[in-house]
Amino acid sequence: MKQKMVFHLFALVCNVGMAFAQAPLKESLFAGAFRGHVAELYIQTHQQDCTNAPYYLGMVRFKSDDTTEAVWRKFNIFANDANGFLLVDDHWNVGRFQHYIYLEQKGPVLTGFLKASEGDQEPLKLERKTTVTDFGPYHKEMLAIDMHDDC
């Protein structure tokens, strides 16, 4: 009896969580080159429930000659009111980052730099890919990262 009650409570919590899960207001894919290889940024725009302020979720990947498909990495995204975005790679959410990216948006173009914890700041330029109409694969990848975002 107690196990059934726990199961039903768990199912209720999961269903309530899914009901409040918010679909992105906007999704965009940006692509460019970094060190002569393809770089991509997938970004979702959401709206905070209480304040209606926008917030962003995103992931980045860098492809190279020796891999046909690179792994997406989740970045925490912070924005300012002047179209500036700071993306921080805190893979395990422990307050320790390996990389950060600063980008400013002017129309469909993001320009800025990537800085690794060890190494020099390197320029980065990405342009919105307007030909992408199906963000399903990117959305699924983001969900997969979230599901495995722990040890």
Protein backbone atom coordinates (compact mmCIF):
# COMPACT_ATOMS: atom_id res chain seq x y z
CA MET A 1 0.00 0.00 0.00
CA LYS A 2 2.75 2.41 0.94
CA GLN A 3 4.63 1.62 -2.29
CA LYS A 4 1.52 2.40 -4.36
CA MET A 5 1.11 5.71 -2.58
CA VAL A 6 4.76 6.64 -3.21
CA PHE A 7 4.41 5.63 -6.88
CA HIS A 8 1.25 7.73 -7.32
CA LEU A 9 2.87 10.71 -5.61
CA PHE A 10 5.90 10.36 -7.91
CA ALA A 11 3.64 10.14 -10.99
CA LEU A 12 1.73 13.23 -9.86
CA VAL A 13 4.93 15.23 -9.36
CA CYS A 14 6.21 14.18 -12.81
CA ASN A 15 2.95 15.15 -14.49
CA VAL A 16 2.79 18.51 -12.73
CA GLY A 17 6.43 19.16 -13.72
CA MET A 18 5.66 18.35 -17.35
CA ALA A 19 2.61 20.61 -17.29
CA PHE A 20 4.78 23.51 -16.17
CA ALA A 21 7.65 22.70 -18.55
CA GLN A 22 7.78 25.60 -20.90
CA ALA A 23 8.34 25.37 -24.62
CA PRO A 24 10.87 27.85 -25.98
CA LEU A 25 9.51 31.14 -27.31
CA LYS A 26 12.21 31.10 -29.97
CA GLU A 27 14.96 28.77 -31.13
CA SER A 28 17.98 29.72 -33.21
CA LEU A 29 21.01 28.01 -34.63
CA PHE A 30 24.15 30.02 -35.29
CA ALA A 31 27.16 28.68 -37.19
CA GLY A 32 30.61 29.91 -38.03
CA ALA A 33 34.25 28.94 -37.86
CA PHE A 34 36.62 28.56 -34.94
CA ARG A 35 40.27 27.70 -35.62
CA GLY A 36 39.22 26.85 -39.17
CA HIS A 37 36.57 24.34 -38.10
CA VAL A 38 32.78 24.48 -37.82
CA ALA A 39 31.37 25.98 -34.62
CA GLU A 40 27.65 25.93 -33.79
CA LEU A 41 25.49 27.51 -31.11
CA TYR A 42 21.92 26.36 -30.48
CA ILE A 43 20.03 28.78 -28.28
CA GLN A 44 16.52 28.79 -26.84
CA THR A 45 14.72 31.90 -25.61
CA HIS A 46 12.29 31.39 -22.73
CA GLN A 47 10.21 33.73 -20.61
CA GLN A 48 10.46 33.74 -16.82
CA ASP A 49 7.01 33.07 -15.36
CA CYS A 50 6.95 35.74 -12.64
CA THR A 51 8.73 38.67 -14.27
CA ASN A 52 8.22 37.88 -17.97
CA ALA A 53 11.93 38.61 -18.45
CA PRO A 54 13.66 36.56 -21.14
CA TYR A 55 16.23 33.95 -20.25
CA TYR A 56 18.30 31.70 -22.46
CA LEU A 57 19.40 28.08 -22.60
CA GLY A 58 22.00 26.87 -25.05
CA MET A 59 24.63 24.45 -26.15
CA VAL A 60 27.75 24.75 -28.29
CA ARG A 61 29.79 22.32 -30.34
CA PHE A 62 33.04 22.58 -32.23
CA LYS A 63 33.75 20.15 -35.06
CA SER A 64 37.23 19.22 -36.27
CA ASP A 65 38.80 17.29 -39.12
CA ASP A 66 39.13 14.10 -37.08
CA THR A 67 35.46 13.96 -36.04
CA THR A 68 32.38 14.16 -38.21
CA GLU A 69 30.10 14.89 -35.26
CA ALA A 70 31.34 16.68 -32.16
CA VAL A 71 29.68 16.49 -28.77
CA TRP A 72 27.37 19.31 -27.75
CA ARG A 73 28.33 21.07 -24.50
CA LYS A 74 25.80 22.91 -22.40
CA PHE A 75 26.67 26.50 -21.53
CA ASN A 76 24.99 28.72 -18.94
CA ILE A 77 23.92 31.90 -20.72
CA PHE A 78 23.74 35.37 -19.20
CA ALA A 79 22.52 38.38 -21.17
CA ASN A 80 22.69 42.14 -20.74
CA ASP A 81 20.44 44.87 -22.11
CA ALA A 82 22.91 45.79 -24.87
CA ASN A 83 22.62 42.54 -26.89
CA GLY A 84 25.61 41.02 -25.11
CA PHE A 85 25.74 37.36 -24.13
CA LEU A 86 28.14 35.61 -21.77
CA LEU A 87 28.20 31.83 -22.13
CA VAL A 88 29.90 29.91 -19.34
CA ASP A 89 30.90 26.26 -19.57
CA ASP A 90 30.18 24.89 -16.09
CA HIS A 91 29.67 21.29 -17.14
CA TRP A 92 29.08 19.87 -13.65
CA ASN A 93 27.42 23.00 -12.17
CA VAL A 94 30.08 23.28 -9.48
CA GLY A 95 31.12 26.88 -10.05
CA ARG A 96 34.32 25.94 -11.91
CA PHE A 97 34.44 26.75 -15.62
CA GLN A 98 36.78 25.67 -18.40
CA HIS A 99 35.66 28.07 -21.14
CA TYR A 100 33.63 31.19 -21.56
CA ILE A 101 32.35 32.92 -24.66
CA TYR A 102 31.38 36.58 -24.94
CA LEU A 103 29.23 37.51 -27.93
CA GLU A 104 27.46 40.68 -29.07
CA GLN A 105 24.54 40.44 -31.46
CA LYS A 106 24.08 42.78 -34.40
CA GLY A 107 21.19 41.50 -36.49
CA PRO A 108 21.78 37.89 -37.50
CA VAL A 109 25.49 37.98 -36.53
CA LEU A 110 27.16 37.22 -33.19
CA THR A 111 30.75 38.39 -32.79
CA GLY A 112 33.06 38.09 -29.83
CA PHE A 113 35.61 35.72 -28.41
CA LEU A 114 36.18 32.41 -26.67
CA LYS A 115 38.53 32.24 -23.69
CA ALA A 116 39.73 28.93 -22.29
CA SER A 117 40.86 28.72 -18.69
CA GLU A 118 44.36 28.15 -20.08
CA GLY A 119 45.18 29.97 -23.28
CA ASP A 120 44.61 33.19 -25.11
CA GLN A 121 41.35 34.82 -26.05
CA GLU A 122 40.37 33.78 -29.60
CA PRO A 123 37.90 35.55 -31.95
CA LEU A 124 34.57 33.94 -32.76
CA LYS A 125 31.93 34.96 -35.32
CA LEU A 126 28.64 33.12 -35.80
CA GLU A 127 25.73 33.81 -38.16
CA ARG A 128 22.12 32.75 -37.75
CA LYS A 129 21.23 29.82 -40.00
CA THR A 130 17.88 30.96 -41.36
CA THR A 131 17.42 27.80 -43.43
CA VAL A 132 16.84 25.63 -40.35
CA THR A 133 13.10 25.09 -39.87
CA ASP A 134 13.12 21.88 -37.81
CA PHE A 135 14.76 22.38 -34.43
CA GLY A 136 13.56 18.96 -33.23
CA PRO A 137 16.99 17.26 -33.31
CA TYR A 138 18.58 20.16 -31.41
CA HIS A 139 15.77 20.23 -28.86
CA LYS A 140 16.17 16.46 -28.31
CA GLU A 141 19.92 16.85 -27.86
CA MET A 142 19.35 19.59 -25.27
CA LEU A 143 16.93 17.32 -23.39
CA ALA A 144 19.43 14.45 -23.54
CA ILE A 145 22.13 16.68 -22.05
CA ASP A 146 19.76 17.75 -19.28
CA MET A 147 18.87 14.14 -18.50
CA HIS A 148 22.56 13.22 -18.13
CA ASP A 149 23.68 16.47 -16.52
CA ASP A 150 24.78 14.71 -13.38
CA CYS A 151 27.62 12.31 -12.69
